[in-house]
């Protein structure tokens, strides 16, 4: 069957995207919704004191989790050839962009409220934390090492690795959590593929609209040419 891996946002959990999973499964997809590190069933008894400082470790682990799921599905002959898509909301969309850099087996991506500009967003996060008066428990050298690591999965710096794969991108112009400015400058470059789609709105904020959800499901179905078997 076609495989879709859908990744939730920061502080959320897999169950919060069941409407996506249901709609995609109804279309004929096998849908897998993993919990991110320190989320859902992966919350441990002694989580990091502040997950904000662990955000990019969670993202990196999420990218590795996508690889693991794809390998497992292939090993068990559960995937139709050339029919793997990855998508997510917010942090899940950031993981989606990184996974497209990291894994050539993914055939299409769906990014809702995320940013492909990992480094710029990371530096903005650091600046925002500092302006709020909080002390980051890392030296400048440690911060720069972390950011250098982030660059490896930054799609804006590795655009050739997209390799013309189609993307569905949605972002609200009034998003205060992942501001529109971290998506808008890259839309034209990322959607040069004629099959790619970009949608935005002016009212939803950091919340996926129903129109975005419905359009995303239809677009993904068309890209992977899903044909639901009937009995």
Protein backbone atom coordinates (compact mmCIF):
# COMPACT_ATOMS: atom_id res chain seq x y z
CA UNK A 1 0.00 0.00 0.00
CA UNK A 2 1.09 3.63 -0.28
CA UNK A 3 2.69 4.78 2.98
CA UNK A 4 2.15 8.10 4.70
CA UNK A 5 4.10 9.02 7.84
CA UNK A 6 2.44 11.93 9.66
CA UNK A 7 4.35 13.71 12.45
CA UNK A 8 2.71 15.82 15.15
CA UNK A 9 3.80 19.20 16.49
CA UNK A 10 5.77 20.27 19.54
CA UNK A 11 4.06 19.31 22.87
CA UNK A 12 1.40 17.41 20.93
CA UNK A 13 1.05 13.65 20.34
CA UNK A 14 0.11 11.23 17.58
CA UNK A 15 -3.56 11.03 18.63
CA UNK A 16 -4.08 14.72 17.83
CA UNK A 17 -3.75 14.01 14.11
CA UNK A 18 -6.22 11.16 13.87
CA UNK A 19 -8.46 13.17 11.53
CA UNK A 20 -5.61 13.26 9.01
CA UNK A 21 -4.90 9.56 9.51
CA UNK A 22 -8.54 8.58 9.12
CA UNK A 23 -9.00 10.61 5.92
CA UNK A 24 -5.79 9.25 4.38
CA UNK A 25 -6.58 5.66 5.37
CA UNK A 26 -10.01 6.06 3.82
CA UNK A 27 -8.26 7.07 0.58
CA UNK A 28 -6.20 3.88 0.60
CA UNK A 29 -3.04 4.81 2.50
CA UNK A 30 -1.26 2.91 5.20
CA UNK A 31 -0.77 5.69 7.76
CA UNK A 32 1.79 5.65 10.56
CA UNK A 33 1.74 8.31 13.27
CA UNK A 34 4.85 8.18 15.47
CA UNK A 35 5.22 9.96 18.80
CA UNK A 36 8.21 12.29 18.77
CA UNK A 37 10.96 12.00 21.37
CA UNK A 38 9.70 13.19 24.82
CA UNK A 39 6.10 13.19 23.55
CA UNK A 40 3.10 10.90 23.97
CA UNK A 41 4.14 7.34 24.82
CA UNK A 42 7.81 8.42 24.72
CA UNK A 43 7.54 10.73 27.73
CA UNK A 44 9.97 9.43 30.34
CA UNK A 45 9.87 9.82 34.13
CA UNK A 46 12.68 12.40 34.05
CA UNK A 47 12.18 14.49 30.88
CA UNK A 48 14.51 17.43 30.14
CA UNK A 49 13.97 20.36 32.52
CA UNK A 50 13.10 22.50 29.52
CA UNK A 51 12.23 20.78 26.27
CA UNK A 52 12.67 24.14 24.54
CA UNK A 53 16.44 23.61 24.77
CA UNK A 54 16.02 20.07 23.44
CA UNK A 55 13.88 21.08 20.44
CA UNK A 56 16.48 20.39 17.75
CA UNK A 57 17.48 17.08 19.32
CA UNK A 58 13.80 16.10 19.07
CA UNK A 59 13.78 17.22 15.42
CA UNK A 60 16.92 15.24 14.63
CA UNK A 61 15.55 12.13 16.32
CA UNK A 62 12.32 12.58 14.37
CA UNK A 63 14.28 12.54 11.10
CA UNK A 64 15.98 9.30 12.20
CA UNK A 65 12.59 7.87 13.22
CA UNK A 66 11.28 8.47 9.69
CA UNK A 67 14.24 6.48 8.32
CA UNK A 68 13.54 3.66 10.77
CA UNK A 69 9.85 3.49 9.86
CA UNK A 70 10.59 3.45 6.12
CA UNK A 71 13.22 0.71 6.56
CA UNK A 72 10.78 -1.35 8.67
CA UNK A 73 7.98 -0.96 6.11
CA UNK A 74 10.30 -1.93 3.24
CA UNK A 75 11.73 -4.91 5.12
CA UNK A 76 8.21 -6.19 5.75
CA UNK A 77 7.10 -5.53 2.16
CA UNK A 78 4.35 -3.17 3.26
CA UNK A 79 4.98 -0.34 0.80
CA UNK A 80 4.00 0.02 -2.84
CA UNK A 81 7.10 0.99 -4.84
CA UNK A 82 7.56 4.72 -5.24
CA UNK A 83 4.68 5.56 -2.91
CA UNK A 84 6.08 7.02 0.31
CA UNK A 85 5.03 10.42 1.62
CA UNK A 86 5.96 12.24 4.81
CA UNK A 87 4.15 15.18 6.35
CA UNK A 88 3.42 16.96 9.57
CA UNK A 89 2.30 20.04 11.42
CA UNK A 90 4.62 22.68 12.94
CA UNK A 91 7.57 20.74 14.39
CA UNK A 92 6.36 17.79 12.30
CA UNK A 93 6.66 19.96 9.19
CA UNK A 94 10.20 20.94 10.20
CA UNK A 95 10.99 17.23 10.52
CA UNK A 96 9.38 16.66 7.11
CA UNK A 97 11.67 19.20 5.45
CA UNK A 98 14.70 17.62 7.14
CA UNK A 99 13.60 14.14 6.09
CA UNK A 100 13.41 15.21 2.45
CA UNK A 101 17.06 16.27 2.73
CA UNK A 102 18.00 13.08 4.52
CA UNK A 103 16.06 10.34 2.70
CA UNK A 104 15.76 10.04 -1.09
CA UNK A 105 13.16 7.25 -0.78
CA UNK A 106 10.47 9.77 0.18
CA UNK A 107 8.42 10.61 -2.91
CA UNK A 108 6.38 13.58 -1.66
CA UNK A 109 6.17 15.91 1.33
CA UNK A 110 3.40 17.79 3.10
CA UNK A 111 4.50 20.66 5.36
CA UNK A 112 1.88 22.51 7.38
CA UNK A 113 3.04 25.52 9.47
CA UNK A 114 6.72 24.61 9.34
CA UNK A 115 9.90 26.11 7.93
CA UNK A 116 12.58 24.67 5.65
CA UNK A 117 15.04 27.31 6.97
CA UNK A 118 16.26 25.42 10.01
CA UNK A 119 19.29 27.56 10.80
CA UNK A 120 17.47 30.90 10.56
CA UNK A 121 14.63 29.63 12.71
CA UNK A 122 17.04 28.22 15.31
CA UNK A 123 18.83 31.57 15.60
CA UNK A 124 15.48 33.35 15.94
CA UNK A 125 14.50 30.93 18.75
CA UNK A 126 17.76 31.67 20.59
CA UNK A 127 17.27 35.42 20.23
CA UNK A 128 13.69 35.21 21.47
CA UNK A 129 14.72 33.20 24.55
CA UNK A 130 17.47 35.69 25.37
CA UNK A 131 15.19 38.70 24.91
CA UNK A 132 12.73 37.11 27.34
CA UNK A 133 15.47 37.21 29.97
CA UNK A 134 16.23 33.49 30.13
CA UNK A 135 19.78 32.19 30.25
CA UNK A 136 20.57 29.50 27.71
CA UNK A 137 22.56 26.72 29.43
CA UNK A 138 25.07 26.50 26.58
CA UNK A 139 28.23 28.39 25.69
CA UNK A 140 28.41 30.29 22.40
CA UNK A 141 30.79 27.62 21.10
CA UNK A 142 28.30 24.88 22.01
CA UNK A 143 25.48 26.83 20.34
CA UNK A 144 27.44 27.26 17.13
CA UNK A 145 28.29 23.54 17.08
CA UNK A 146 24.60 22.72 17.42
CA UNK A 147 23.67 25.12 14.64
CA UNK A 148 26.37 23.68 12.37
CA UNK A 149 24.74 20.29 12.93
CA UNK A 150 21.28 21.74 12.13
CA UNK A 151 22.54 23.01 8.75
CA UNK A 152 22.90 19.43 7.50
CA UNK A 153 19.11 19.11 7.41
CA UNK A 154 18.29 22.65 6.32
CA UNK A 155 16.45 22.30 3.00
CA UNK A 156 17.22 25.90 1.99
CA UNK A 157 20.93 25.02 2.15
CA UNK A 158 20.52 21.63 0.49
CA UNK A 159 17.94 22.47 -2.16
CA UNK A 160 19.47 20.10 -4.70
CA UNK A 161 18.45 17.20 -2.46
CA UNK A 162 14.78 17.98 -3.01
CA UNK A 163 15.43 16.60 -6.51
CA UNK A 164 12.15 17.87 -7.97
CA UNK A 165 9.97 15.95 -5.51
CA UNK A 166 6.51 17.49 -5.04
CA UNK A 167 5.61 19.44 -1.92
CA UNK A 168 2.37 20.66 -0.39
CA UNK A 169 3.09 23.73 1.75
CA UNK A 170 0.60 25.60 3.91
CA UNK A 171 1.26 28.55 6.21
CA UNK A 172 -0.78 31.29 7.83
CA UNK A 173 0.36 34.88 7.40
CA UNK A 174 -0.54 35.58 11.06
CA UNK A 175 1.37 32.68 12.62
CA UNK A 176 3.19 33.92 15.75
CA UNK A 177 4.79 30.56 16.66
CA UNK A 178 6.60 29.90 13.37
CA UNK A 179 6.30 33.28 11.65
CA UNK A 180 5.35 33.47 7.99
CA UNK A 181 8.71 35.07 7.19
CA UNK A 182 10.41 31.72 7.76
CA UNK A 183 8.41 30.11 4.95
CA UNK A 184 7.46 32.78 2.43
CA UNK A 185 10.93 33.56 0.96
CA UNK A 186 11.47 29.92 -0.01
CA UNK A 187 8.08 29.04 -1.44
CA UNK A 188 8.88 29.88 -5.08
CA UNK A 189 12.09 27.83 -5.02
CA UNK A 190 10.48 24.86 -3.31
CA UNK A 191 7.42 24.79 -5.56
CA UNK A 192 9.13 24.99 -8.96
CA UNK A 193 7.89 21.45 -9.49
CA UNK A 194 4.58 21.85 -11.33
CA UNK A 195 2.98 19.27 -9.06
CA UNK A 196 3.81 21.25 -5.91
CA UNK A 197 1.23 23.45 -4.20
CA UNK A 198 1.45 26.42 -1.85
CA UNK A 199 -1.49 27.68 0.20
CA UNK A 200 -1.65 30.45 2.77
CA UNK A 201 -4.36 32.32 4.63
CA UNK A 202 -4.69 35.48 6.67
CA UNK A 203 -6.69 34.33 9.69
CA UNK A 204 -5.77 30.88 11.05
CA UNK A 205 -2.64 31.69 13.04
CA UNK A 206 -0.77 28.62 14.27
CA UNK A 207 -3.62 26.25 13.56
CA UNK A 208 -4.26 24.23 10.42
CA UNK A 209 -7.50 25.32 8.79
CA UNK A 210 -10.10 22.83 7.61
CA UNK A 211 -9.52 23.96 4.02
CA UNK A 212 -5.80 23.24 4.37
CA UNK A 213 -6.48 19.80 5.83
CA UNK A 214 -8.93 18.81 3.10
CA UNK A 215 -6.75 20.15 0.30
CA UNK A 216 -3.67 18.41 1.71
CA UNK A 217 -5.44 15.03 1.78
CA UNK A 218 -6.67 15.41 -1.82
CA UNK A 219 -3.27 16.58 -3.05
CA UNK A 220 -1.39 13.69 -1.42
CA UNK A 221 -3.84 11.21 -2.87
CA UNK A 222 -3.32 12.61 -6.37
CA UNK A 223 0.48 12.69 -6.08
CA UNK A 224 0.80 9.05 -5.11
CA UNK A 225 -2.04 8.02 -7.42
CA UNK A 226 -3.73 6.03 -4.71
CA UNK A 227 -6.34 3.58 -5.91
CA UNK A 228 -8.43 2.23 -3.07
CA UNK A 229 -9.37 -1.39 -3.56
CA UNK A 230 -13.02 -2.19 -3.12
CA UNK A 231 -14.40 -5.56 -2.10
